[in-house]
Amino acid sequence: MRSLAVALALLVAGTALPAVAQTEIKSTCFCQLGNDAKQFSAEVAVTDANRAELAKMLTAGDLDLKKTVKVTGDGCAPADWRKNRLCGSTSVTTTKPDGARDSKKFDNTPVSGTRTLRITNTGNVPRKQGTPRGQFALDEARWAKTQVILIGGRED
């Protein structure tokens, strides 16, 4: 009986804690990568409407590796930087016991909906040269011209 009271107290205390803020991103091209149902890539269009907010997220570390982000997308829309490849494909190379390499190509699949991802990679983020190790600063001149950033991650 006593352990039940302790468990209930912990449950009530846990529900009284404030919720952790979740970073949310809208993707213009959201894809599941190759044959791994848990690995995703998201292209995020950088526009005049969201440039300042994305810069704030990047500078605050909200989009750092190992952070969690909620990505919402509706497949993959055509865009100049993507041409006709849309989600593209992924090559997976493995080494056989005899040392020979075996490479297979898998089509990436457009995804609609929302996924919570642990960030494993980012791309096309213009970092300021000469920034001390472990710190981040945007290169403002290049950021002003950036059209898209990439966020890759694994579903928790």
C-alpha atoms as a PDB file:
ATOM      1  CA  MET A   1       0.000   0.000   0.000  1.00  0.00           C
ATOM      2  CA  ARG A   2       2.829   2.342   0.864  1.00  0.00           C
ATOM      3  CA  SER A   3       4.530   1.748  -2.516  1.00  0.00           C
ATOM      4  CA  LEU A   4       1.232   2.554  -4.250  1.00  0.00           C
ATOM      5  CA  ALA A   5       1.054   5.888  -2.410  1.00  0.00           C
ATOM      6  CA  VAL A   6       4.650   6.688  -3.427  1.00  0.00           C
ATOM      7  CA  ALA A   7       3.915   5.760  -7.051  1.00  0.00           C
ATOM      8  CA  LEU A   8       0.818   7.977  -7.084  1.00  0.00           C
ATOM      9  CA  ALA A   9       2.762  10.876  -5.551  1.00  0.00           C
ATOM     10  CA  LEU A  10       5.434  10.542  -8.241  1.00  0.00           C
ATOM     11  CA  LEU A  11       2.780  10.386 -10.953  1.00  0.00           C
ATOM     12  CA  VAL A  12       1.095  13.553  -9.677  1.00  0.00           C
ATOM     13  CA  ALA A  13       4.459  15.327  -9.347  1.00  0.00           C
ATOM     14  CA  GLY A  14       5.383  14.324 -12.889  1.00  0.00           C
ATOM     15  CA  THR A  15       2.165  15.687 -14.336  1.00  0.00           C
ATOM     16  CA  ALA A  16       2.661  18.953 -12.475  1.00  0.00           C
ATOM     17  CA  LEU A  17       5.999  19.634 -14.193  1.00  0.00           C
ATOM     18  CA  PRO A  18       5.962  22.081 -17.102  1.00  0.00           C
ATOM     19  CA  ALA A  19       6.149  20.535 -20.561  1.00  0.00           C
ATOM     20  CA  VAL A  20       9.485  20.753 -22.356  1.00  0.00           C
ATOM     21  CA  ALA A  21       9.278  23.028 -25.381  1.00  0.00           C
ATOM     22  CA  GLN A  22       9.532  21.133 -28.663  1.00  0.00           C
ATOM     23  CA  THR A  23      11.188  22.736 -31.677  1.00  0.00           C
ATOM     24  CA  GLU A  24       8.930  22.406 -34.707  1.00  0.00           C
ATOM     25  CA  ILE A  25       9.938  22.699 -38.364  1.00  0.00           C
ATOM     26  CA  LYS A  26       7.825  22.684 -41.540  1.00  0.00           C
ATOM     27  CA  SER A  27       9.574  20.807 -44.345  1.00  0.00           C
ATOM     28  CA  THR A  28       9.134  21.391 -48.078  1.00  0.00           C
ATOM     29  CA  CYS A  29      10.623  17.976 -48.871  1.00  0.00           C
ATOM     30  CA  PHE A  30      10.301  15.314 -46.169  1.00  0.00           C
ATOM     31  CA  CYS A  31      11.701  11.873 -47.018  1.00  0.00           C
ATOM     32  CA  GLN A  32      12.279   8.502 -45.378  1.00  0.00           C
ATOM     33  CA  LEU A  33      15.772   7.393 -46.387  1.00  0.00           C
ATOM     34  CA  GLY A  34      16.337   4.155 -48.279  1.00  0.00           C
ATOM     35  CA  ASN A  35      15.600   0.915 -46.507  1.00  0.00           C
ATOM     36  CA  ASP A  36      15.765   2.388 -42.973  1.00  0.00           C
ATOM     37  CA  ALA A  37      12.223   3.143 -41.789  1.00  0.00           C
ATOM     38  CA  LYS A  38      13.547   5.284 -38.895  1.00  0.00           C
ATOM     39  CA  GLN A  39      15.936   7.594 -40.823  1.00  0.00           C
ATOM     40  CA  PHE A  40      14.597  10.818 -42.376  1.00  0.00           C
ATOM     41  CA  SER A  41      15.744  13.901 -44.243  1.00  0.00           C
ATOM     42  CA  ALA A  42      13.959  17.248 -44.344  1.00  0.00           C
ATOM     43  CA  GLU A  43      14.586  20.206 -46.608  1.00  0.00           C
ATOM     44  CA  VAL A  44      13.428  23.438 -44.993  1.00  0.00           C
ATOM     45  CA  ALA A  45      12.858  26.409 -47.296  1.00  0.00           C
ATOM     46  CA  VAL A  46      14.406  29.611 -45.934  1.00  0.00           C
ATOM     47  CA  THR A  47      12.149  32.532 -46.844  1.00  0.00           C
ATOM     48  CA  ASP A  48      11.791  36.154 -45.787  1.00  0.00           C
ATOM     49  CA  ALA A  49       8.897  35.009 -43.573  1.00  0.00           C
ATOM     50  CA  ASN A  50      10.922  32.437 -41.559  1.00  0.00           C
ATOM     51  CA  ARG A  51      14.580  33.539 -41.957  1.00  0.00           C
ATOM     52  CA  ALA A  52      14.780  35.382 -38.609  1.00  0.00           C
ATOM     53  CA  GLU A  53      13.054  32.560 -36.689  1.00  0.00           C
ATOM     54  CA  LEU A  54      15.330  29.897 -38.216  1.00  0.00           C
ATOM     55  CA  ALA A  55      18.401  32.036 -37.428  1.00  0.00           C
ATOM     56  CA  LYS A  56      17.211  32.305 -33.821  1.00  0.00           C
ATOM     57  CA  MET A  57      16.778  28.491 -33.603  1.00  0.00           C
ATOM     58  CA  LEU A  58      20.222  27.855 -35.099  1.00  0.00           C
ATOM     59  CA  THR A  59      21.963  30.398 -32.855  1.00  0.00           C
ATOM     60  CA  ALA A  60      20.179  29.095 -29.736  1.00  0.00           C
ATOM     61  CA  GLY A  61      21.318  25.544 -30.515  1.00  0.00           C
ATOM     62  CA  ASP A  62      17.783  24.222 -31.055  1.00  0.00           C
ATOM     63  CA  LEU A  63      18.920  22.475 -34.255  1.00  0.00           C
ATOM     64  CA  ASP A  64      22.234  21.090 -32.944  1.00  0.00           C
ATOM     65  CA  LEU A  65      23.195  17.448 -33.346  1.00  0.00           C
ATOM     66  CA  LYS A  66      21.423  15.089 -30.924  1.00  0.00           C
ATOM     67  CA  LYS A  67      18.668  17.644 -30.232  1.00  0.00           C
ATOM     68  CA  THR A  68      15.056  16.636 -30.851  1.00  0.00           C
ATOM     69  CA  VAL A  69      12.918  18.342 -33.467  1.00  0.00           C
ATOM     70  CA  LYS A  70       9.355  17.782 -34.613  1.00  0.00           C
ATOM     71  CA  VAL A  71       9.245  17.811 -38.432  1.00  0.00           C
ATOM     72  CA  THR A  72       6.020  18.185 -40.388  1.00  0.00           C
ATOM     73  CA  GLY A  73       5.833  17.689 -44.119  1.00  0.00           C
ATOM     74  CA  ASP A  74       3.574  16.795 -46.984  1.00  0.00           C
ATOM     75  CA  GLY A  75       5.868  14.784 -49.220  1.00  0.00           C
ATOM     76  CA  CYS A  76       8.266  16.518 -51.543  1.00  0.00           C
ATOM     77  CA  ALA A  77       7.323  19.536 -53.645  1.00  0.00           C
ATOM     78  CA  PRO A  78       9.359  20.408 -56.755  1.00  0.00           C
ATOM     79  CA  ALA A  79      11.883  23.236 -56.314  1.00  0.00           C
ATOM     80  CA  ASP A  80      14.737  24.795 -58.307  1.00  0.00           C
ATOM     81  CA  TRP A  81      17.486  23.436 -56.025  1.00  0.00           C
ATOM     82  CA  ARG A  82      16.014  19.921 -56.140  1.00  0.00           C
ATOM     83  CA  LYS A  83      15.244  19.795 -59.898  1.00  0.00           C
ATOM     84  CA  ASN A  84      13.457  16.547 -60.767  1.00  0.00           C
ATOM     85  CA  ARG A  85      15.023  14.184 -58.240  1.00  0.00           C
ATOM     86  CA  LEU A  86      12.545  14.907 -55.425  1.00  0.00           C
ATOM     87  CA  CYS A  87      13.490  12.506 -52.594  1.00  0.00           C
ATOM     88  CA  GLY A  88      16.211  10.785 -54.635  1.00  0.00           C
ATOM     89  CA  SER A  89      17.854   7.556 -53.552  1.00  0.00           C
ATOM     90  CA  THR A  90      20.253   6.216 -50.941  1.00  0.00           C
ATOM     91  CA  SER A  91      23.136   3.806 -51.513  1.00  0.00           C
ATOM     92  CA  VAL A  92      23.935   1.327 -48.764  1.00  0.00           C
ATOM     93  CA  THR A  93      27.332  -0.373 -48.889  1.00  0.00           C
ATOM     94  CA  THR A  94      28.167  -3.382 -46.737  1.00  0.00           C
ATOM     95  CA  THR A  95      31.268  -5.534 -46.499  1.00  0.00           C
ATOM     96  CA  LYS A  96      30.865  -9.283 -46.888  1.00  0.00           C
ATOM     97  CA  PRO A  97      32.827 -11.734 -44.697  1.00  0.00           C
ATOM     98  CA  ASP A  98      35.285 -12.286 -47.571  1.00  0.00           C
ATOM     99  CA  GLY A  99      36.026  -8.531 -47.686  1.00  0.00           C
ATOM    100  CA  ALA A 100      34.084  -7.855 -50.878  1.00  0.00           C
ATOM    101  CA  ARG A 101      31.906  -4.745 -50.848  1.00  0.00           C
ATOM    102  CA  ASP A 102      28.236  -5.008 -51.741  1.00  0.00           C
ATOM    103  CA  SER A 103      26.379  -1.824 -52.676  1.00  0.00           C
ATOM    104  CA  LYS A 104      22.614  -1.543 -53.082  1.00  0.00           C
ATOM    105  CA  LYS A 105      20.546   1.475 -54.094  1.00  0.00           C
ATOM    106  CA  PHE A 106      17.192   2.211 -52.445  1.00  0.00           C
ATOM    107  CA  ASP A 107      14.650   4.862 -53.428  1.00  0.00           C
ATOM    108  CA  ASN A 108      13.846   7.391 -50.720  1.00  0.00           C
ATOM    109  CA  THR A 109      10.139   7.727 -49.950  1.00  0.00           C
ATOM    110  CA  PRO A 110       8.198  11.006 -49.571  1.00  0.00           C
ATOM    111  CA  VAL A 111       6.591  11.297 -46.120  1.00  0.00           C
ATOM    112  CA  SER A 112       3.399  13.112 -45.145  1.00  0.00           C
ATOM    113  CA  GLY A 113       2.698  13.890 -41.519  1.00  0.00           C
ATOM    114  CA  THR A 114       4.754  14.634 -38.431  1.00  0.00           C
ATOM    115  CA  ARG A 115       7.727  12.769 -36.987  1.00  0.00           C
ATOM    116  CA  THR A 116       9.856  13.492 -33.927  1.00  0.00           C
ATOM    117  CA  LEU A 117      13.518  13.155 -34.879  1.00  0.00           C
ATOM    118  CA  ARG A 118      16.821  13.149 -33.038  1.00  0.00           C
ATOM    119  CA  ILE A 119      19.051  15.304 -35.283  1.00  0.00           C
ATOM    120  CA  THR A 120      21.968  13.357 -36.793  1.00  0.00           C
ATOM    121  CA  ASN A 121      23.086  15.859 -39.431  1.00  0.00           C
ATOM    122  CA  THR A 122      22.431  19.322 -40.793  1.00  0.00           C
ATOM    123  CA  GLY A 123      23.450  20.884 -44.064  1.00  0.00           C
ATOM    124  CA  ASN A 124      23.716  24.140 -45.975  1.00  0.00           C
ATOM    125  CA  VAL A 125      23.941  26.166 -42.756  1.00  0.00           C
ATOM    126  CA  PRO A 126      26.450  29.000 -43.376  1.00  0.00           C
ATOM    127  CA  ARG A 127      28.727  29.075 -40.354  1.00  0.00           C
ATOM    128  CA  LYS A 128      30.899  32.113 -39.695  1.00  0.00           C
ATOM    129  CA  GLN A 129      34.599  31.411 -40.289  1.00  0.00           C
ATOM    130  CA  GLY A 130      36.914  31.731 -37.293  1.00  0.00           C
ATOM    131  CA  THR A 131      34.269  30.956 -34.676  1.00  0.00           C
ATOM    132  CA  PRO A 132      35.872  29.218 -31.660  1.00  0.00           C
ATOM    133  CA  ARG A 133      35.407  25.452 -31.435  1.00  0.00           C
ATOM    134  CA  GLY A 134      32.175  24.465 -29.723  1.00  0.00           C
ATOM    135  CA  GLN A 135      30.508  27.787 -30.503  1.00  0.00           C
ATOM    136  CA  PHE A 136      28.197  28.688 -33.366  1.00  0.00           C
ATOM    137  CA  ALA A 137      27.688  31.896 -35.313  1.00  0.00           C
ATOM    138  CA  LEU A 138      25.861  32.408 -38.598  1.00  0.00           C
ATOM    139  CA  ASP A 139      27.646  34.037 -41.503  1.00  0.00           C
ATOM    140  CA  GLU A 140      25.089  36.826 -41.958  1.00  0.00           C
ATOM    141  CA  ALA A 141      26.074  37.657 -45.560  1.00  0.00           C
ATOM    142  CA  ARG A 142      25.682  34.056 -46.753  1.00  0.00           C
ATOM    143  CA  TRP A 143      22.598  33.465 -44.561  1.00  0.00           C
ATOM    144  CA  ALA A 144      20.830  36.322 -46.365  1.00  0.00           C
ATOM    145  CA  LYS A 145      21.184  34.330 -49.621  1.00  0.00           C
ATOM    146  CA  THR A 146      20.424  30.848 -48.237  1.00  0.00           C
ATOM    147  CA  GLN A 147      17.328  29.277 -49.816  1.00  0.00           C
ATOM    148  CA  VAL A 148      17.199  25.938 -48.002  1.00  0.00           C
ATOM    149  CA  ILE A 149      18.709  24.111 -45.023  1.00  0.00           C
ATOM    150  CA  LEU A 150      18.788  20.360 -44.514  1.00  0.00           C
ATOM    151  CA  ILE A 151      17.991  18.458 -41.343  1.00  0.00           C
ATOM    152  CA  GLY A 152      18.554  14.732 -41.057  1.00  0.00           C
ATOM    153  CA  GLY A 153      17.474  12.641 -38.146  1.00  0.00           C
ATOM    154  CA  ARG A 154      16.407   9.379 -36.653  1.00  0.00           C
ATOM    155  CA  GLU A 155      12.916   8.785 -35.302  1.00  0.00           C
ATOM    156  CA  ASP A 156      12.930   8.193 -31.539  1.00  0.00           C
END
